[in-house]
Amino acid sequence: MALMTLSERPENPRLPASLLEPQDMSATATISTEFQIAILKAVRDERGWLPGQKLALVPQDGGVMLVPVPELDDLLGILPDADPSGYRDRGDRY
């Protein structure tokens, strides 16, 4: 099966389209003594991030990009032609 580009990906109403498009937003944050970073309200509002939401830290070009970790329900439908038959999990290996 060939990989889809973002433009070919089916619409998913649970993932805002703005998450898939590059944005130009400059903001700074300071790492606390506990190594925590507070994300500015303007950034949270622009991205639609909520308290308790998980973000993945992805190394990129000498920095780190924050990417929302999707819920399982958000992933449903992104591979409409996938055949789930014959799926194996760890419980059926031995």
PDB file of N, CA and C in Angstrom:
ATOM      1  N   MET A   1       0.842  -1.176   0.000  1.00  0.00           N
ATOM      2  CA  MET A   1       0.000   0.000   0.000  1.00  0.00           C
ATOM      3  C   MET A   1       0.891   1.245   0.000  1.00  0.00           C
ATOM      4  N   ALA A   2       0.577   2.191  -0.843  1.00  0.00           N
ATOM      5  CA  ALA A   2       1.348   3.432  -0.953  1.00  0.00           C
ATOM      6  C   ALA A   2       0.974   4.384   0.176  1.00  0.00           C
ATOM      7  N   LEU A   3       1.947   5.177   0.598  1.00  0.00           N
ATOM      8  CA  LEU A   3       1.679   6.183   1.625  1.00  0.00           C
ATOM      9  C   LEU A   3       0.928   7.356   1.025  1.00  0.00           C
ATOM     10  N   MET A   4       0.042   7.946   1.821  1.00  0.00           N
ATOM     11  CA  MET A   4      -0.715   9.111   1.373  1.00  0.00           C
ATOM     12  C   MET A   4       0.001  10.381   1.802  1.00  0.00           C
ATOM     13  N   THR A   5      -0.097  11.407   0.988  1.00  0.00           N
ATOM     14  CA  THR A   5       0.392  12.717   1.388  1.00  0.00           C
ATOM     15  C   THR A   5      -0.693  13.371   2.235  1.00  0.00           C
ATOM     16  N   LEU A   6      -0.353  14.465   2.914  1.00  0.00           N
ATOM     17  CA  LEU A   6      -1.350  15.149   3.741  1.00  0.00           C
ATOM     18  C   LEU A   6      -2.533  15.622   2.919  1.00  0.00           C
ATOM     19  N   SER A   7      -2.286  16.051   1.675  1.00  0.00           N
ATOM     20  CA  SER A   7      -3.393  16.547   0.851  1.00  0.00           C
ATOM     21  C   SER A   7      -4.323  15.421   0.412  1.00  0.00           C
ATOM     22  N   GLU A   8      -3.828  14.183   0.377  1.00  0.00           N
ATOM     23  CA  GLU A   8      -4.647  13.042  -0.026  1.00  0.00           C
ATOM     24  C   GLU A   8      -5.381  12.410   1.156  1.00  0.00           C
ATOM     25  N   ARG A   9      -4.996  12.795   2.368  1.00  0.00           N
ATOM     26  CA  ARG A   9      -5.567  12.193   3.567  1.00  0.00           C
ATOM     27  C   ARG A   9      -7.046  12.539   3.689  1.00  0.00           C
ATOM     28  N   PRO A  10      -7.908  11.558   4.019  1.00  0.00           N
ATOM     29  CA  PRO A  10      -9.332  11.852   4.169  1.00  0.00           C
ATOM     30  C   PRO A  10      -9.588  12.841   5.309  1.00  0.00           C
ATOM     31  N   GLU A  11     -10.670  13.573   5.195  1.00  0.00           N
ATOM     32  CA  GLU A  11     -11.050  14.518   6.242  1.00  0.00           C
ATOM     33  C   GLU A  11     -11.366  13.761   7.524  1.00  0.00           C
ATOM     34  N   ASN A  12     -10.954  14.307   8.646  1.00  0.00           N
ATOM     35  CA  ASN A  12     -11.293  13.749   9.950  1.00  0.00           C
ATOM     36  C   ASN A  12     -11.826  14.904  10.785  1.00  0.00           C
ATOM     37  N   PRO A  13     -13.130  14.907  11.096  1.00  0.00           N
ATOM     38  CA  PRO A  13     -13.709  16.053  11.802  1.00  0.00           C
ATOM     39  C   PRO A  13     -13.136  16.271  13.197  1.00  0.00           C
ATOM     40  N   ARG A  14     -12.479  15.274  13.763  1.00  0.00           N
ATOM     41  CA  ARG A  14     -11.930  15.433  15.113  1.00  0.00           C
ATOM     42  C   ARG A  14     -10.560  16.088  15.107  1.00  0.00           C
ATOM     43  N   LEU A  15      -9.909  16.155  13.945  1.00  0.00           N
ATOM     44  CA  LEU A  15      -8.606  16.821  13.837  1.00  0.00           C
ATOM     45  C   LEU A  15      -8.764  18.103  13.034  1.00  0.00           C
ATOM     46  N   PRO A  16      -8.595  19.266  13.665  1.00  0.00           N
ATOM     47  CA  PRO A  16      -8.721  20.522  12.922  1.00  0.00           C
ATOM     48  C   PRO A  16      -7.708  20.601  11.786  1.00  0.00           C
ATOM     49  N   ALA A  17      -8.147  21.116  10.652  1.00  0.00           N
ATOM     50  CA  ALA A  17      -7.264  21.255   9.483  1.00  0.00           C
ATOM     51  C   ALA A  17      -6.055  22.120   9.804  1.00  0.00           C
ATOM     52  N   SER A  18      -6.199  23.052  10.755  1.00  0.00           N
ATOM     53  CA  SER A  18      -5.082  23.934  11.096  1.00  0.00           C
ATOM     54  C   SER A  18      -3.905  23.163  11.677  1.00  0.00           C
ATOM     55  N   LEU A  19      -4.149  21.962  12.214  1.00  0.00           N
ATOM     56  CA  LEU A  19      -3.051  21.166  12.754  1.00  0.00           C
ATOM     57  C   LEU A  19      -2.186  20.577  11.649  1.00  0.00           C
ATOM     58  N   LEU A  20      -2.718  20.493  10.442  1.00  0.00           N
ATOM     59  CA  LEU A  20      -2.000  19.877   9.341  1.00  0.00           C
ATOM     60  C   LEU A  20      -1.262  20.875   8.471  1.00  0.00           C
ATOM     61  N   GLU A  21      -1.513  22.166   8.676  1.00  0.00           N
ATOM     62  CA  GLU A  21      -0.896  23.192   7.848  1.00  0.00           C
ATOM     63  C   GLU A  21       0.189  23.915   8.630  1.00  0.00           C
ATOM     64  N   PRO A  22       1.307  24.235   7.983  1.00  0.00           N
ATOM     65  CA  PRO A  22       2.365  24.967   8.675  1.00  0.00           C
ATOM     66  C   PRO A  22       1.875  26.346   9.110  1.00  0.00           C
ATOM     67  N   GLN A  23       2.282  26.756  10.272  1.00  0.00           N
ATOM     68  CA  GLN A  23       1.884  28.052  10.811  1.00  0.00           C
ATOM     69  C   GLN A  23       3.138  28.867  11.110  1.00  0.00           C
ATOM     70  N   ASP A  24       3.009  30.180  11.031  1.00  0.00           N
ATOM     71  CA  ASP A  24       4.116  31.058  11.375  1.00  0.00           C
ATOM     72  C   ASP A  24       3.760  31.785  12.664  1.00  0.00           C
ATOM     73  N   MET A  25       4.200  31.240  13.780  1.00  0.00           N
ATOM     74  CA  MET A  25       3.910  31.862  15.065  1.00  0.00           C
ATOM     75  C   MET A  25       5.191  31.854  15.886  1.00  0.00           C
ATOM     76  N   SER A  26       5.630  33.025  16.302  1.00  0.00           N
ATOM     77  CA  SER A  26       6.836  33.117  17.110  1.00  0.00           C
ATOM     78  C   SER A  26       6.446  33.370  18.550  1.00  0.00           C
ATOM     79  N   ALA A  27       6.986  32.581  19.447  1.00  0.00           N
ATOM     80  CA  ALA A  27       6.749  32.752  20.876  1.00  0.00           C
ATOM     81  C   ALA A  27       7.938  32.155  21.605  1.00  0.00           C
ATOM     82  N   THR A  28       8.193  32.646  22.786  1.00  0.00           N
ATOM     83  CA  THR A  28       9.282  32.099  23.576  1.00  0.00           C
ATOM     84  C   THR A  28       8.745  31.601  24.905  1.00  0.00           C
ATOM     85  N   ALA A  29       9.459  30.658  25.488  1.00  0.00           N
ATOM     86  CA  ALA A  29       9.128  30.117  26.806  1.00  0.00           C
ATOM     87  C   ALA A  29      10.437  29.883  27.537  1.00  0.00           C
ATOM     88  N   THR A  30      10.357  29.830  28.846  1.00  0.00           N
ATOM     89  CA  THR A  30      11.532  29.605  29.678  1.00  0.00           C
ATOM     90  C   THR A  30      11.385  28.272  30.397  1.00  0.00           C
ATOM     91  N   ILE A  31      12.449  27.492  30.436  1.00  0.00           N
ATOM     92  CA  ILE A  31      12.432  26.222  31.155  1.00  0.00           C
ATOM     93  C   ILE A  31      12.587  26.519  32.639  1.00  0.00           C
ATOM     94  N   SER A  32      11.677  25.986  33.442  1.00  0.00           N
ATOM     95  CA  SER A  32      11.726  26.215  34.890  1.00  0.00           C
ATOM     96  C   SER A  32      12.809  25.354  35.531  1.00  0.00           C
ATOM     97  N   THR A  33      13.041  25.556  36.827  1.00  0.00           N
ATOM     98  CA  THR A  33      14.035  24.752  37.535  1.00  0.00           C
ATOM     99  C   THR A  33      13.622  23.282  37.607  1.00  0.00           C
ATOM    100  N   GLU A  34      12.333  22.996  37.398  1.00  0.00           N
ATOM    101  CA  GLU A  34      11.833  21.616  37.347  1.00  0.00           C
ATOM    102  C   GLU A  34      11.785  21.105  35.906  1.00  0.00           C
ATOM    103  N   PHE A  35      12.380  21.841  34.976  1.00  0.00           N
ATOM    104  CA  PHE A  35      12.419  21.495  33.552  1.00  0.00           C
ATOM    105  C   PHE A  35      11.026  21.447  32.934  1.00  0.00           C
ATOM    106  N   GLN A  36      10.162  22.355  33.360  1.00  0.00           N
ATOM    107  CA  GLN A  36       8.829  22.474  32.786  1.00  0.00           C
ATOM    108  C   GLN A  36       8.765  23.730  31.929  1.00  0.00           C
ATOM    109  N   ILE A  37       7.887  23.692  30.925  1.00  0.00           N
ATOM    110  CA  ILE A  37       7.695  24.836  30.042  1.00  0.00           C
ATOM    111  C   ILE A  37       6.205  25.180  30.051  1.00  0.00           C
ATOM    112  N   ALA A  38       5.899  26.449  30.284  1.00  0.00           N
ATOM    113  CA  ALA A  38       4.517  26.918  30.181  1.00  0.00           C
ATOM    114  C   ALA A  38       4.275  27.376  28.750  1.00  0.00           C
ATOM    115  N   ILE A  39       3.238  26.844  28.127  1.00  0.00           N
ATOM    116  CA  ILE A  39       2.906  27.217  26.751  1.00  0.00           C
ATOM    117  C   ILE A  39       1.980  28.424  26.798  1.00  0.00           C
ATOM    118  N   LEU A  40       2.346  29.468  26.087  1.00  0.00           N
ATOM    119  CA  LEU A  40       1.578  30.709  26.103  1.00  0.00           C
ATOM    120  C   LEU A  40       0.127  30.481  25.696  1.00  0.00           C
ATOM    121  N   LYS A  41      -0.780  31.228  26.296  1.00  0.00           N
ATOM    122  CA  LYS A  41      -2.205  31.093  26.002  1.00  0.00           C
ATOM    123  C   LYS A  41      -2.501  31.318  24.521  1.00  0.00           C
ATOM    124  N   ALA A  42      -1.839  32.286  23.914  1.00  0.00           N
ATOM    125  CA  ALA A  42      -2.064  32.550  22.487  1.00  0.00           C
ATOM    126  C   ALA A  42      -1.723  31.322  21.647  1.00  0.00           C
ATOM    127  N   VAL A  43      -0.650  30.629  22.010  1.00  0.00           N
ATOM    128  CA  VAL A  43      -0.250  29.424  21.277  1.00  0.00           C
ATOM    129  C   VAL A  43      -1.256  28.309  21.531  1.00  0.00           C
ATOM    130  N   ARG A  44      -1.635  28.102  22.792  1.00  0.00           N
ATOM    131  CA  ARG A  44      -2.623  27.057  23.127  1.00  0.00           C
ATOM    132  C   ARG A  44      -3.930  27.303  22.397  1.00  0.00           C
ATOM    133  N   ASP A  45      -4.385  28.542  22.392  1.00  0.00           N
ATOM    134  CA  ASP A  45      -5.655  28.865  21.727  1.00  0.00           C
ATOM    135  C   ASP A  45      -5.555  28.661  20.217  1.00  0.00           C
ATOM    136  N   GLU A  46      -4.455  29.091  19.625  1.00  0.00           N
ATOM    137  CA  GLU A  46      -4.262  28.943  18.175  1.00  0.00           C
ATOM    138  C   GLU A  46      -4.257  27.477  17.768  1.00  0.00           C
ATOM    139  N   ARG A  47      -3.635  26.639  18.581  1.00  0.00           N
ATOM    140  CA  ARG A  47      -3.512  25.213  18.278  1.00  0.00           C
ATOM    141  C   ARG A  47      -4.688  24.387  18.784  1.00  0.00           C
ATOM    142  N   GLY A  48      -5.491  24.947  19.657  1.00  0.00           N
ATOM    143  CA  GLY A  48      -6.614  24.193  20.211  1.00  0.00           C
ATOM    144  C   GLY A  48      -6.186  23.173  21.253  1.00  0.00           C
ATOM    145  N   TRP A  49      -5.029  23.400  21.902  1.00  0.00           N
ATOM    146  CA  TRP A  49      -4.524  22.473  22.901  1.00  0.00           C
ATOM    147  C   TRP A  49      -5.264  22.667  24.210  1.00  0.00           C
ATOM    148  N   LEU A  50      -5.530  21.564  24.898  1.00  0.00           N
ATOM    149  CA  LEU A  50      -6.301  21.573  26.133  1.00  0.00           C
ATOM    150  C   LEU A  50      -5.469  21.060  27.295  1.00  0.00           C
ATOM    151  N   PRO A  51      -5.830  21.416  28.551  1.00  0.00           N
ATOM    152  CA  PRO A  51      -5.096  20.890  29.705  1.00  0.00           C
ATOM    153  C   PRO A  51      -5.164  19.364  29.718  1.00  0.00           C
ATOM    154  N   GLY A  52      -4.043  18.734  30.016  1.00  0.00           N
ATOM    155  CA  GLY A  52      -3.987  17.287  30.079  1.00  0.00           C
ATOM    156  C   GLY A  52      -3.733  16.608  28.740  1.00  0.00           C
ATOM    157  N   GLN A  53      -3.785  17.368  27.648  1.00  0.00           N
ATOM    158  CA  GLN A  53      -3.547  16.799  26.324  1.00  0.00           C
ATOM    159  C   GLN A  53      -2.078  16.405  26.203  1.00  0.00           C
ATOM    160  N   LYS A  54      -1.810  15.246  25.609  1.00  0.00           N
ATOM    161  CA  LYS A  54      -0.440  14.782  25.431  1.00  0.00           C
ATOM    162  C   LYS A  54       0.155  15.366  24.154  1.00  0.00           C
ATOM    163  N   LEU A  55       1.418  15.808  24.254  1.00  0.00           N
ATOM    164  CA  LEU A  55       2.156  16.345  23.111  1.00  0.00           C
ATOM    165  C   LEU A  55       3.441  15.548  22.957  1.00  0.00           C
ATOM    166  N   ALA A  56       3.773  15.187  21.730  1.00  0.00           N
ATOM    167  CA  ALA A  56       5.034  14.515  21.445  1.00  0.00           C
ATOM    168  C   ALA A  56       6.085  15.574  21.139  1.00  0.00           C
ATOM    169  N   LEU A  57       7.288  15.364  21.626  1.00  0.00           N
ATOM    170  CA  LEU A  57       8.408  16.260  21.333  1.00  0.00           C
ATOM    171  C   LEU A  57       9.227  15.607  20.228  1.00  0.00           C
ATOM    172  N   VAL A  58       9.233  16.232  19.052  1.00  0.00           N
ATOM    173  CA  VAL A  58       9.881  15.677  17.873  1.00  0.00           C
ATOM    174  C   VAL A  58      11.118  16.518  17.552  1.00  0.00           C
ATOM    175  N   PRO A  59      12.325  15.902  17.621  1.00  0.00           N
ATOM    176  CA  PRO A  59      13.531  16.650  17.267  1.00  0.00           C
ATOM    177  C   PRO A  59      13.476  17.084  15.805  1.00  0.00           C
ATOM    178  N   GLN A  60      13.809  18.364  15.572  1.00  0.00           N
ATOM    179  CA  GLN A  60      13.773  18.872  14.205  1.00  0.00           C
ATOM    180  C   GLN A  60      14.755  20.026  14.057  1.00  0.00           C
ATOM    181  N   ASP A  61      15.732  19.858  13.171  1.00  0.00           N
ATOM    182  CA  ASP A  61      16.676  20.924  12.820  1.00  0.00           C
ATOM    183  C   ASP A  61      17.279  21.620  14.035  1.00  0.00           C
ATOM    184  N   GLY A  62      17.779  20.874  14.989  1.00  0.00           N
ATOM    185  CA  GLY A  62      18.427  21.454  16.156  1.00  0.00           C
ATOM    186  C   GLY A  62      17.463  21.972  17.205  1.00  0.00           C
ATOM    187  N   GLY A  63      16.171  21.803  17.012  1.00  0.00           N
ATOM    188  CA  GLY A  63      15.165  22.226  17.972  1.00  0.00           C
ATOM    189  C   GLY A  63      14.200  21.089  18.248  1.00  0.00           C
ATOM    190  N   VAL A  64      13.058  21.433  18.797  1.00  0.00           N
ATOM    191  CA  VAL A  64      12.033  20.444  19.112  1.00  0.00           C
ATOM    192  C   VAL A  64      10.687  20.983  18.657  1.00  0.00           C
ATOM    193  N   MET A  65       9.923  20.134  17.990  1.00  0.00           N
ATOM    194  CA  MET A  65       8.578  20.503  17.559  1.00  0.00           C
ATOM    195  C   MET A  65       7.578  19.781  18.453  1.00  0.00           C
ATOM    196  N   LEU A  66       6.569  20.493  18.924  1.00  0.00           N
ATOM    197  CA  LEU A  66       5.504  19.894  19.724  1.00  0.00           C
ATOM    198  C   LEU A  66       4.376  19.473  18.798  1.00  0.00           C
ATOM    199  N   VAL A  67       3.977  18.202  18.908  1.00  0.00           N
ATOM    200  CA  VAL A  67       2.934  17.660  18.053  1.00  0.00           C
ATOM    201  C   VAL A  67       1.913  16.945  18.925  1.00  0.00           C
ATOM    202  N   PRO A  68       0.615  17.265  18.778  1.00  0.00           N
ATOM    203  CA  PRO A  68      -0.394  16.573  19.572  1.00  0.00           C
ATOM    204  C   PRO A  68      -0.383  15.068  19.274  1.00  0.00           C
ATOM    205  N   VAL A  69      -0.462  14.262  20.330  1.00  0.00           N
ATOM    206  CA  VAL A  69      -0.566  12.814  20.169  1.00  0.00           C
ATOM    207  C   VAL A  69      -2.050  12.506  19.957  1.00  0.00           C
ATOM    208  N   PRO A  70      -2.389  11.934  18.799  1.00  0.00           N
ATOM    209  CA  PRO A  70      -3.811  11.694  18.533  1.00  0.00           C
ATOM    210  C   PRO A  70      -4.373  10.569  19.389  1.00  0.00           C
ATOM    211  N   GLU A  71      -5.649  10.677  19.699  1.00  0.00           N
ATOM    212  CA  GLU A  71      -6.363   9.593  20.371  1.00  0.00           C
ATOM    213  C   GLU A  71      -6.643   8.520  19.325  1.00  0.00           C
ATOM    214  N   LEU A  72      -6.882   7.296  19.759  1.00  0.00           N
ATOM    215  CA  LEU A  72      -7.158   6.205  18.839  1.00  0.00           C
ATOM    216  C   LEU A  72      -8.349   6.536  17.946  1.00  0.00           C
ATOM    217  N   ASP A  73      -9.391   7.139  18.499  1.00  0.00           N
ATOM    218  CA  ASP A  73     -10.571   7.502  17.712  1.00  0.00           C
ATOM    219  C   ASP A  73     -10.236   8.498  16.605  1.00  0.00           C
ATOM    220  N   ASP A  74      -9.230   9.354  16.836  1.00  0.00           N
ATOM    221  CA  ASP A  74      -8.834  10.330  15.819  1.00  0.00           C
ATOM    222  C   ASP A  74      -8.192   9.656  14.610  1.00  0.00           C
ATOM    223  N   LEU A  75      -7.652   8.458  14.801  1.00  0.00           N
ATOM    224  CA  LEU A  75      -6.963   7.760  13.726  1.00  0.00           C
ATOM    225  C   LEU A  75      -7.899   6.916  12.874  1.00  0.00           C
ATOM    226  N   LEU A  76      -9.113   6.691  13.356  1.00  0.00           N
ATOM    227  CA  LEU A  76     -10.057   5.873  12.590  1.00  0.00           C
ATOM    228  C   LEU A  76     -10.366   6.538  11.257  1.00  0.00           C
ATOM    229  N   GLY A  77     -10.254   5.776  10.189  1.00  0.00           N
ATOM    230  CA  GLY A  77     -10.590   6.291   8.876  1.00  0.00           C
ATOM    231  C   GLY A  77      -9.437   6.866   8.088  1.00  0.00           C
ATOM    232  N   ILE A  78      -8.229   6.952   8.662  1.00  0.00           N
ATOM    233  CA  ILE A  78      -7.131   7.541   7.894  1.00  0.00           C
ATOM    234  C   ILE A  78      -6.554   6.552   6.890  1.00  0.00           C
ATOM    235  N   LEU A  79      -6.830   5.271   7.066  1.00  0.00           N
ATOM    236  CA  LEU A  79      -6.416   4.249   6.103  1.00  0.00           C
ATOM    237  C   LEU A  79      -7.656   3.466   5.681  1.00  0.00           C
ATOM    238  N   PRO A  80      -8.504   4.069   4.853  1.00  0.00           N
ATOM    239  CA  PRO A  80      -9.787   3.449   4.538  1.00  0.00           C
ATOM    240  C   PRO A  80      -9.664   2.119   3.790  1.00  0.00           C
ATOM    241  N   ASP A  81      -8.563   1.878   3.089  1.00  0.00           N
ATOM    242  CA  ASP A  81      -8.415   0.632   2.339  1.00  0.00           C
ATOM    243  C   ASP A  81      -7.637  -0.431   3.112  1.00  0.00           C
ATOM    244  N   ALA A  82      -7.301  -0.169   4.372  1.00  0.00           N
ATOM    245  CA  ALA A  82      -6.530  -1.139   5.153  1.00  0.00           C
ATOM    246  C   ALA A  82      -7.395  -2.361   5.450  1.00  0.00           C
ATOM    247  N   ASP A  83      -6.781  -3.533   5.398  1.00  0.00           N
ATOM    248  CA  ASP A  83      -7.479  -4.789   5.674  1.00  0.00           C
ATOM    249  C   ASP A  83      -7.090  -5.263   7.071  1.00  0.00           C
ATOM    250  N   PRO A  84      -7.993  -5.151   8.060  1.00  0.00           N
ATOM    251  CA  PRO A  84      -7.654  -5.535   9.426  1.00  0.00           C
ATOM    252  C   PRO A  84      -7.716  -7.042   9.670  1.00  0.00           C
ATOM    253  N   SER A  85      -8.138  -7.831   8.687  1.00  0.00           N
ATOM    254  CA  SER A  85      -8.217  -9.277   8.903  1.00  0.00           C
ATOM    255  C   SER A  85      -6.818  -9.857   9.044  1.00  0.00           C
ATOM    256  N   GLY A  86      -6.700 -10.876   9.835  1.00  0.00           N
ATOM    257  CA  GLY A  86      -5.411 -11.500  10.061  1.00  0.00           C
ATOM    258  C   GLY A  86      -4.528 -10.744  11.038  1.00  0.00           C
ATOM    259  N   TYR A  87      -5.082  -9.773  11.711  1.00  0.00           N
ATOM    260  CA  TYR A  87      -4.316  -8.995  12.687  1.00  0.00           C
ATOM    261  C   TYR A  87      -3.898  -9.899  13.842  1.00  0.00           C
ATOM    262  N   ARG A  88      -2.655  -9.778  14.268  1.00  0.00           N
ATOM    263  CA  ARG A  88      -2.157 -10.538  15.410  1.00  0.00           C
ATOM    264  C   ARG A  88      -1.690  -9.574  16.471  1.00  0.00           C
ATOM    265  N   ASP A  89      -1.890  -9.953  17.715  1.00  0.00           N
ATOM    266  CA  ASP A  89      -1.329  -9.149  18.795  1.00  0.00           C
ATOM    267  C   ASP A  89      -0.365 -10.011  19.589  1.00  0.00           C
ATOM    268  N   ARG A  90       0.227  -9.460  20.604  1.00  0.00           N
ATOM    269  CA  ARG A  90       1.249 -10.178  21.365  1.00  0.00           C
ATOM    270  C   ARG A  90       0.700 -11.423  22.046  1.00  0.00           C
ATOM    271  N   GLY A  91      -0.580 -11.443  22.354  1.00  0.00           N
ATOM    272  CA  GLY A  91      -1.172 -12.569  23.065  1.00  0.00           C
ATOM    273  C   GLY A  91      -1.238 -13.855  22.250  1.00  0.00           C
ATOM    274  N   ASP A  92      -1.131 -13.771  20.945  1.00  0.00           N
ATOM    275  CA  ASP A  92      -1.268 -14.998  20.144  1.00  0.00           C
ATOM    276  C   ASP A  92       0.071 -15.465  19.556  1.00  0.00           C
ATOM    277  N   ARG A  93       1.179 -14.991  20.077  1.00  0.00           N
ATOM    278  CA  ARG A  93       2.476 -15.358  19.510  1.00  0.00           C
ATOM    279  C   ARG A  93       3.033 -16.658  20.051  1.00  0.00           C
ATOM    280  N   TYR A  94       2.810 -16.971  21.309  1.00  0.00           N
ATOM    281  CA  TYR A  94       3.354 -18.192  21.890  1.00  0.00           C
ATOM    282  C   TYR A  94       2.322 -18.872  22.742  1.00  0.00           C
TER     283      TYR A  94
END
